[in-house]
Amino acid sequence: MFPPRFAPVLFGFILSGLMSLMVSGIATARATGIGADFIYLWLVGGWLPSFALSFPAVLLVGPVARRVVAALTRA
């Protein structure tokens, strides 16, 4: 288990992993169709590079998004 201080990073890791998995899967299916090599193309050609970019992006953009949401909502 991780200490609670790692919760924001762990949340970003899981969120970016799942979101990039879904989006890259849809994009790969649309671009190549679902054939014999779909899983390989999806995971290695689509998801892995997407995840490598989305995780740091979530860590950088997450705090900005939280401030925007806080400014748009009432306490």
N, C-alpha and C. Protein backbone atom coordinates (compact mmCIF):
# COMPACT_ATOMS: atom_id res chain seq x y z
N MET A 1 0.83 -1.18 0.00
CA MET A 1 0.00 0.00 0.00
C MET A 1 0.88 1.25 0.00
N PHE A 2 0.29 2.31 -0.50
CA PHE A 2 1.00 3.59 -0.56
C PHE A 2 0.54 4.51 0.55
N PRO A 3 1.43 5.38 1.03
CA PRO A 3 1.01 6.37 2.01
C PRO A 3 0.01 7.35 1.37
N PRO A 4 -0.85 7.96 2.16
CA PRO A 4 -1.85 8.88 1.61
C PRO A 4 -1.27 10.05 0.81
N ARG A 5 -0.05 10.45 1.10
CA ARG A 5 0.53 11.59 0.37
C ARG A 5 0.72 11.29 -1.13
N PHE A 6 0.72 10.00 -1.49
CA PHE A 6 0.86 9.63 -2.89
C PHE A 6 -0.47 9.55 -3.62
N ALA A 7 -1.56 9.83 -2.94
CA ALA A 7 -2.89 9.69 -3.55
C ALA A 7 -3.06 10.51 -4.83
N PRO A 8 -2.66 11.79 -4.87
CA PRO A 8 -2.85 12.54 -6.13
C PRO A 8 -2.08 11.96 -7.31
N VAL A 9 -0.86 11.51 -7.07
CA VAL A 9 -0.05 10.93 -8.15
C VAL A 9 -0.62 9.58 -8.58
N LEU A 10 -1.02 8.77 -7.62
CA LEU A 10 -1.62 7.48 -7.93
C LEU A 10 -2.93 7.65 -8.69
N PHE A 11 -3.73 8.62 -8.27
CA PHE A 11 -4.97 8.92 -8.98
C PHE A 11 -4.68 9.32 -10.42
N GLY A 12 -3.71 10.20 -10.62
CA GLY A 12 -3.33 10.62 -11.97
C GLY A 12 -2.81 9.47 -12.81
N PHE A 13 -2.05 8.58 -12.20
CA PHE A 13 -1.52 7.42 -12.91
C PHE A 13 -2.64 6.51 -13.40
N ILE A 14 -3.57 6.20 -12.50
CA ILE A 14 -4.68 5.31 -12.86
C ILE A 14 -5.62 5.98 -13.86
N LEU A 15 -5.96 7.24 -13.62
CA LEU A 15 -6.86 7.96 -14.53
C LEU A 15 -6.25 8.08 -15.92
N SER A 16 -5.00 8.49 -16.02
CA SER A 16 -4.38 8.65 -17.33
C SER A 16 -4.22 7.30 -18.03
N GLY A 17 -3.93 6.26 -17.27
CA GLY A 17 -3.81 4.93 -17.86
C GLY A 17 -5.12 4.45 -18.45
N LEU A 18 -6.20 4.57 -17.69
CA LEU A 18 -7.50 4.11 -18.18
C LEU A 18 -8.03 4.97 -19.32
N MET A 19 -7.91 6.27 -19.20
CA MET A 19 -8.42 7.16 -20.26
C MET A 19 -7.63 6.96 -21.56
N SER A 20 -6.32 6.89 -21.47
CA SER A 20 -5.52 6.70 -22.68
C SER A 20 -5.77 5.32 -23.28
N LEU A 21 -6.04 4.32 -22.44
CA LEU A 21 -6.37 2.99 -22.93
C LEU A 21 -7.65 3.01 -23.76
N MET A 22 -8.68 3.68 -23.24
CA MET A 22 -9.96 3.74 -23.96
C MET A 22 -9.86 4.57 -25.24
N VAL A 23 -9.28 5.74 -25.14
CA VAL A 23 -9.22 6.63 -26.31
C VAL A 23 -8.33 6.03 -27.40
N SER A 24 -7.19 5.48 -27.02
CA SER A 24 -6.31 4.89 -28.04
C SER A 24 -6.94 3.65 -28.65
N GLY A 25 -7.72 2.90 -27.86
CA GLY A 25 -8.42 1.73 -28.41
C GLY A 25 -9.42 2.12 -29.48
N ILE A 26 -10.20 3.15 -29.20
CA ILE A 26 -11.17 3.63 -30.19
C ILE A 26 -10.46 4.17 -31.43
N ALA A 27 -9.43 4.96 -31.22
CA ALA A 27 -8.69 5.53 -32.35
C ALA A 27 -8.03 4.44 -33.19
N THR A 28 -7.45 3.45 -32.53
CA THR A 28 -6.79 2.36 -33.26
C THR A 28 -7.81 1.54 -34.04
N ALA A 29 -8.95 1.24 -33.43
CA ALA A 29 -10.00 0.47 -34.11
C ALA A 29 -10.52 1.23 -35.33
N ARG A 30 -10.68 2.52 -35.20
CA ARG A 30 -11.17 3.32 -36.33
C ARG A 30 -10.12 3.41 -37.45
N ALA A 31 -8.86 3.49 -37.07
CA ALA A 31 -7.81 3.66 -38.07
C ALA A 31 -7.43 2.36 -38.76
N THR A 32 -7.43 1.25 -38.03
CA THR A 32 -6.91 0.01 -38.60
C THR A 32 -7.96 -1.09 -38.72
N GLY A 33 -9.10 -0.92 -38.05
CA GLY A 33 -10.07 -2.00 -37.99
C GLY A 33 -9.64 -3.00 -36.93
N ILE A 34 -10.54 -3.93 -36.63
CA ILE A 34 -10.22 -4.92 -35.62
C ILE A 34 -9.84 -6.21 -36.33
N GLY A 35 -8.54 -6.38 -36.49
CA GLY A 35 -8.01 -7.57 -37.16
C GLY A 35 -7.16 -8.38 -36.21
N ALA A 36 -6.39 -9.27 -36.79
CA ALA A 36 -5.56 -10.19 -35.99
C ALA A 36 -4.51 -9.44 -35.18
N ASP A 37 -4.01 -8.33 -35.69
CA ASP A 37 -2.96 -7.60 -34.99
C ASP A 37 -3.47 -6.39 -34.21
N PHE A 38 -4.78 -6.31 -34.01
CA PHE A 38 -5.37 -5.15 -33.34
C PHE A 38 -4.80 -4.93 -31.94
N ILE A 39 -4.73 -5.98 -31.13
CA ILE A 39 -4.27 -5.83 -29.74
C ILE A 39 -2.84 -5.28 -29.72
N TYR A 40 -1.98 -5.82 -30.56
CA TYR A 40 -0.60 -5.33 -30.61
C TYR A 40 -0.56 -3.87 -31.04
N LEU A 41 -1.28 -3.55 -32.12
CA LEU A 41 -1.29 -2.17 -32.60
C LEU A 41 -1.85 -1.22 -31.54
N TRP A 42 -2.88 -1.67 -30.85
CA TRP A 42 -3.50 -0.84 -29.82
C TRP A 42 -2.56 -0.60 -28.64
N LEU A 43 -2.04 -1.68 -28.09
CA LEU A 43 -1.25 -1.53 -26.86
C LEU A 43 0.13 -0.95 -27.11
N VAL A 44 0.81 -1.43 -28.13
CA VAL A 44 2.19 -0.98 -28.37
C VAL A 44 2.22 0.28 -29.23
N GLY A 45 1.38 0.33 -30.25
CA GLY A 45 1.41 1.47 -31.15
C GLY A 45 0.56 2.64 -30.72
N GLY A 46 -0.49 2.37 -29.94
CA GLY A 46 -1.41 3.43 -29.55
C GLY A 46 -1.36 3.78 -28.08
N TRP A 47 -1.58 2.77 -27.23
CA TRP A 47 -1.72 3.07 -25.81
C TRP A 47 -0.42 3.46 -25.13
N LEU A 48 0.63 2.72 -25.35
CA LEU A 48 1.88 2.99 -24.63
C LEU A 48 2.39 4.41 -24.87
N PRO A 49 2.48 4.87 -26.12
CA PRO A 49 2.91 6.27 -26.31
C PRO A 49 1.90 7.27 -25.74
N SER A 50 0.61 6.96 -25.85
CA SER A 50 -0.41 7.86 -25.30
C SER A 50 -0.29 7.97 -23.79
N PHE A 51 -0.10 6.85 -23.14
CA PHE A 51 0.04 6.85 -21.68
C PHE A 51 1.30 7.59 -21.25
N ALA A 52 2.38 7.38 -22.00
CA ALA A 52 3.64 8.05 -21.67
C ALA A 52 3.50 9.57 -21.71
N LEU A 53 2.62 10.08 -22.55
CA LEU A 53 2.38 11.52 -22.63
C LEU A 53 1.28 11.98 -21.69
N SER A 54 0.25 11.14 -21.50
CA SER A 54 -0.90 11.59 -20.71
C SER A 54 -0.62 11.62 -19.21
N PHE A 55 0.22 10.74 -18.70
CA PHE A 55 0.48 10.74 -17.26
C PHE A 55 1.15 12.05 -16.81
N PRO A 56 2.25 12.46 -17.45
CA PRO A 56 2.83 13.75 -17.04
C PRO A 56 1.87 14.92 -17.30
N ALA A 57 1.08 14.82 -18.37
CA ALA A 57 0.13 15.90 -18.66
C ALA A 57 -0.91 16.02 -17.56
N VAL A 58 -1.41 14.89 -17.06
CA VAL A 58 -2.38 14.91 -15.96
C VAL A 58 -1.76 15.52 -14.71
N LEU A 59 -0.51 15.20 -14.45
CA LEU A 59 0.14 15.77 -13.27
C LEU A 59 0.32 17.28 -13.39
N LEU A 60 0.54 17.76 -14.60
CA LEU A 60 0.72 19.20 -14.81
C LEU A 60 -0.61 19.94 -14.90
N VAL A 61 -1.59 19.37 -15.57
CA VAL A 61 -2.86 20.04 -15.82
C VAL A 61 -3.84 19.85 -14.66
N GLY A 62 -3.69 18.78 -13.89
CA GLY A 62 -4.61 18.49 -12.80
C GLY A 62 -4.79 19.64 -11.81
N PRO A 63 -3.72 20.21 -11.30
CA PRO A 63 -3.88 21.33 -10.37
C PRO A 63 -4.58 22.55 -11.01
N VAL A 64 -4.30 22.80 -12.26
CA VAL A 64 -4.98 23.90 -12.96
C VAL A 64 -6.48 23.62 -13.05
N ALA A 65 -6.82 22.38 -13.42
CA ALA A 65 -8.23 22.01 -13.53
C ALA A 65 -8.93 22.12 -12.17
N ARG A 66 -8.26 21.73 -11.10
CA ARG A 66 -8.86 21.85 -9.76
C ARG A 66 -9.13 23.31 -9.41
N ARG A 67 -8.21 24.21 -9.75
CA ARG A 67 -8.42 25.64 -9.47
C ARG A 67 -9.57 26.20 -10.29
N VAL A 68 -9.67 25.79 -11.56
CA VAL A 68 -10.77 26.26 -12.41
C VAL A 68 -12.10 25.76 -11.85
N VAL A 69 -12.15 24.51 -11.46
CA VAL A 69 -13.39 23.94 -10.90
C VAL A 69 -13.74 24.67 -9.60
N ALA A 70 -12.75 24.93 -8.77
CA ALA A 70 -13.01 25.65 -7.51
C ALA A 70 -13.54 27.06 -7.79
N ALA A 71 -13.03 27.69 -8.83
CA ALA A 71 -13.49 29.05 -9.16
C ALA A 71 -14.91 29.04 -9.74
N LEU A 72 -15.30 27.94 -10.37
CA LEU A 72 -16.61 27.87 -11.01
C LEU A 72 -17.69 27.32 -10.11
N THR A 73 -17.32 26.82 -8.95
CA THR A 73 -18.31 26.25 -8.04
C THR A 73 -18.32 27.02 -6.73
N ARG A 74 -19.41 26.89 -6.02
CA ARG A 74 -19.52 27.56 -4.73
C ARG A 74 -19.21 26.59 -3.60
N ALA A 75 -18.70 27.12 -2.55
CA ALA A 75 -18.42 26.29 -1.36
C ALA A 75 -19.70 26.02 -0.60
